[in-house]
Structures are given as C-alpha cells and as structure tokens.
C-alpha cells in the first residue's frame, strides 16, 4: 500500500496516530513517513500547532516537555481541544478523551503543577464549567473564546457543581 499524500498524513497525525503506527498501517518504514512530513515542513509548523497554541500553558521551553506531553491528563486535554476544533481523533485518542471527560464530570479540573506536571484538582466555584484551572498569568487572560473552548458543553455540568 502506498504512503498517502501529506494532507492525509497530517490528518492521521492530528488524530493522534504516531509515525510508527502510520508506517505499519501503510507497510512502509517510519523513516518514509518522516521524510514525507519533513519534505512539507511539518516539524517547523506541526500538525498540533493550532491545538497547542490554544492551551492555557506554554510548555514549549520546558526541559520536561516530553514527560509532560506523555502524561495521560495532558493527552486528554489535547484531544478535548482537538475534538473541539473539529479535527479527527484516533480510537486511542478517543479513549484518552473519554478518561479526561469522565474525570472532569466527576468534579475535577486539570492544572499544571511545576513539580508533578499535569494533575487533577477538585473543582471550585471559581472554575465554573472550565475543564482546566485557568492559570493566574496576566499574559494569558481568560477570554470568551477560551471559555467556549475549555468549558463542558451545556447539559454536561459536573457532579460537583450540580450537587449530585
């Protein structure tokens, strides 16, 4: 099976598949997938660039970035935003998303702890319907677009807020 074009590869990567998984799917080497992506400048812009830019925390310069990005809560949040932006999700991404949404529905929000990484904390009234505890960072104020992106849809209030 031939390797798909750049646009199709980008959709698969945005859906949460890794280069080795794509290579196996198309019976090519991981290097072939990498070469196709590099040829189109993938690594300078990144398929997750719009998703990453929307997140309330900038982890790009952190020395523990790889560890943070591998944490299941972070992946759940990333897939929550990916889904909200209308990008497709792989089955594995859907599983991480479901775990994330269930945790939020159970009355938690996600936050970034400087030592532990991404952790869930009990929801407070100040969190409202947000799925994250918005950082207290003057350079990243909460906007109405952020509220729409990072809030549970209407009718999906958490048990902590609905009193159940």
Protein backbone atom coordinates (compact mmCIF):
# COMPACT_ATOMS: atom_id res chain seq x y z
CA UNK A 1 0.00 0.00 0.00
CA UNK A 2 1.39 3.39 -0.98
CA UNK A 3 2.01 6.13 1.55
CA UNK A 4 -0.77 8.75 1.39
CA UNK A 5 -0.13 12.36 0.50
CA UNK A 6 0.94 14.99 3.00
CA UNK A 7 -2.60 16.20 3.77
CA UNK A 8 -3.80 12.70 4.65
CA UNK A 9 -0.69 12.07 6.77
CA UNK A 10 -1.31 15.34 8.59
CA UNK A 11 -4.88 14.27 9.38
CA UNK A 12 -3.66 10.94 10.78
CA UNK A 13 -1.04 12.65 12.96
CA UNK A 14 -3.58 15.20 14.18
CA UNK A 15 -5.88 12.31 15.07
CA UNK A 16 -3.22 11.02 17.46
CA UNK A 17 -1.51 8.33 15.43
CA UNK A 18 2.27 8.14 15.68
CA UNK A 19 4.66 7.88 12.74
CA UNK A 20 5.45 4.20 13.55
CA UNK A 21 1.70 3.40 13.66
CA UNK A 22 1.16 5.09 10.29
CA UNK A 23 4.16 3.28 8.83
CA UNK A 24 2.78 -0.07 9.96
CA UNK A 25 -0.65 0.80 8.54
CA UNK A 26 0.82 1.51 5.10
CA UNK A 27 3.55 -1.13 5.26
CA UNK A 28 6.38 1.39 4.90
CA UNK A 29 9.23 2.41 7.17
CA UNK A 30 8.85 5.09 9.83
CA UNK A 31 11.64 6.91 8.01
CA UNK A 32 9.46 7.09 4.88
CA UNK A 33 6.69 8.75 6.88
CA UNK A 34 9.19 11.14 8.48
CA UNK A 35 10.72 12.04 5.12
CA UNK A 36 7.29 12.82 3.62
CA UNK A 37 6.48 15.09 6.56
CA UNK A 38 9.85 16.86 6.60
CA UNK A 39 9.57 17.48 2.87
CA UNK A 40 6.44 19.51 3.60
CA UNK A 41 7.93 21.39 6.56
CA UNK A 42 5.83 19.53 9.15
CA UNK A 43 8.21 19.90 12.04
CA UNK A 44 8.51 23.64 11.85
CA UNK A 45 4.76 24.23 11.92
CA UNK A 46 3.48 20.98 13.42
CA UNK A 47 0.09 19.40 12.91
CA UNK A 48 -0.83 20.15 16.51
CA UNK A 49 0.16 23.82 16.27
CA UNK A 50 -3.41 25.23 16.50
CA UNK A 51 -4.23 22.91 19.39
CA UNK A 52 -1.01 23.67 21.26
CA UNK A 53 -1.47 27.42 20.75
CA UNK A 54 -4.94 27.24 22.32
CA UNK A 55 -3.76 25.61 25.56
CA UNK A 56 -3.54 27.86 28.62
CA UNK A 57 0.03 26.78 29.43
CA UNK A 58 3.08 27.20 27.23
CA UNK A 59 5.30 24.18 27.82
CA UNK A 60 7.45 24.57 24.71
CA UNK A 61 10.52 25.84 26.56
CA UNK A 62 10.33 23.44 29.49
CA UNK A 63 13.08 20.88 29.94
CA UNK A 64 10.42 18.31 30.98
CA UNK A 65 8.23 18.95 27.92
CA UNK A 66 8.42 15.33 26.68
CA UNK A 67 7.38 13.99 30.09
CA UNK A 68 4.51 16.45 30.33
CA UNK A 69 3.24 15.67 26.84
CA UNK A 70 3.26 11.96 27.62
CA UNK A 71 1.05 12.34 30.70
CA UNK A 72 -2.43 10.94 30.11
CA UNK A 73 -4.21 14.02 31.57
CA UNK A 74 -2.36 16.27 29.11
CA UNK A 75 -3.21 13.96 26.22
CA UNK A 76 -6.86 14.02 27.31
CA UNK A 77 -6.90 17.80 27.32
CA UNK A 78 -5.11 17.96 23.98
CA UNK A 79 -7.69 15.61 22.46
CA UNK A 80 -10.52 17.59 24.09
CA UNK A 81 -9.28 20.70 22.25
CA UNK A 82 -8.54 18.74 19.06
CA UNK A 83 -12.12 17.46 19.05
CA UNK A 84 -13.50 20.94 19.76
CA UNK A 85 -11.55 22.25 16.77
CA UNK A 86 -13.16 19.63 14.57
CA UNK A 87 -10.06 17.54 13.86
CA UNK A 88 -10.47 13.76 13.66
CA UNK A 89 -9.35 11.52 16.55
CA UNK A 90 -7.95 8.01 16.50
CA UNK A 91 -9.52 5.31 18.66
CA UNK A 92 -6.65 5.63 21.14
CA UNK A 93 -7.16 9.40 21.28
CA UNK A 94 -10.89 8.87 21.88
CA UNK A 95 -10.07 6.62 24.84
CA UNK A 96 -7.82 9.28 26.41
CA UNK A 97 -10.51 11.89 25.73
CA UNK A 98 -13.17 9.74 27.43
CA UNK A 99 -11.00 9.29 30.54
CA UNK A 100 -10.39 13.05 30.66
CA UNK A 101 -14.07 13.98 30.28
CA UNK A 102 -15.12 11.41 32.89
CA UNK A 103 -12.63 12.85 35.38
CA UNK A 104 -13.92 16.37 34.71
CA UNK A 105 -17.55 15.24 35.04
CA UNK A 106 -16.62 13.73 38.41
CA UNK A 107 -15.81 17.22 39.70
CA UNK A 108 -12.16 17.79 38.81
CA UNK A 109 -10.21 20.29 36.73
CA UNK A 110 -6.79 19.90 35.17
CA UNK A 111 -3.89 22.12 36.20
CA UNK A 112 -0.16 22.25 35.65
CA UNK A 113 1.89 21.75 38.81
CA UNK A 114 5.53 22.83 38.45
CA UNK A 115 6.80 19.63 40.10
CA UNK A 116 4.20 16.95 39.35
CA UNK A 117 3.18 18.04 35.89
CA UNK A 118 -0.47 17.83 34.85
CA UNK A 119 -2.70 16.89 37.78
CA UNK A 120 -6.39 16.88 38.56
CA UNK A 121 -7.68 19.03 41.43
CA UNK A 122 -11.16 19.24 42.92
CA UNK A 123 -13.31 21.81 41.14
CA UNK A 124 -14.00 25.06 42.96
CA UNK A 125 -16.79 27.58 42.26
CA UNK A 126 -14.18 29.85 40.64
CA UNK A 127 -13.54 27.17 38.00
CA UNK A 128 -17.12 27.37 36.74
CA UNK A 129 -17.61 24.90 33.88
CA UNK A 130 -13.98 25.06 32.72
CA UNK A 131 -12.19 21.73 32.34
CA UNK A 132 -8.94 23.37 33.47
CA UNK A 133 -7.95 25.61 36.36
CA UNK A 134 -7.08 28.72 34.39
CA UNK A 135 -3.54 29.90 35.20
CA UNK A 136 -3.12 33.14 37.10
CA UNK A 137 -0.96 34.63 34.37
CA UNK A 138 -1.55 38.23 33.28
CA UNK A 139 -0.06 37.44 29.86
CA UNK A 140 -2.76 34.78 29.30
CA UNK A 141 -6.10 36.19 30.49
CA UNK A 142 -9.23 34.08 30.11
CA UNK A 143 -11.18 35.26 27.06
CA UNK A 144 -14.71 34.42 25.98
CA UNK A 145 -13.22 32.26 23.21
CA UNK A 146 -11.20 30.38 25.87
CA UNK A 147 -14.34 29.89 27.96
CA UNK A 148 -16.14 28.41 24.96
CA UNK A 149 -13.21 26.14 24.10
CA UNK A 150 -12.45 24.90 27.61
CA UNK A 151 -15.95 24.56 29.10
CA UNK A 152 -18.07 21.46 29.23
CA UNK A 153 -20.96 21.64 26.77
CA UNK A 154 -24.31 22.75 28.19
CA UNK A 155 -26.06 19.87 29.90
CA UNK A 156 -22.77 18.23 30.91
CA UNK A 157 -22.36 20.00 34.23
CA UNK A 158 -20.12 18.25 36.69
CA UNK A 159 -21.49 16.45 39.71
CA UNK A 160 -19.56 18.84 41.93
CA UNK A 161 -21.49 21.81 40.53
CA UNK A 162 -24.88 20.18 40.10
CA UNK A 163 -24.91 18.98 43.72
CA UNK A 164 -25.25 15.30 42.85
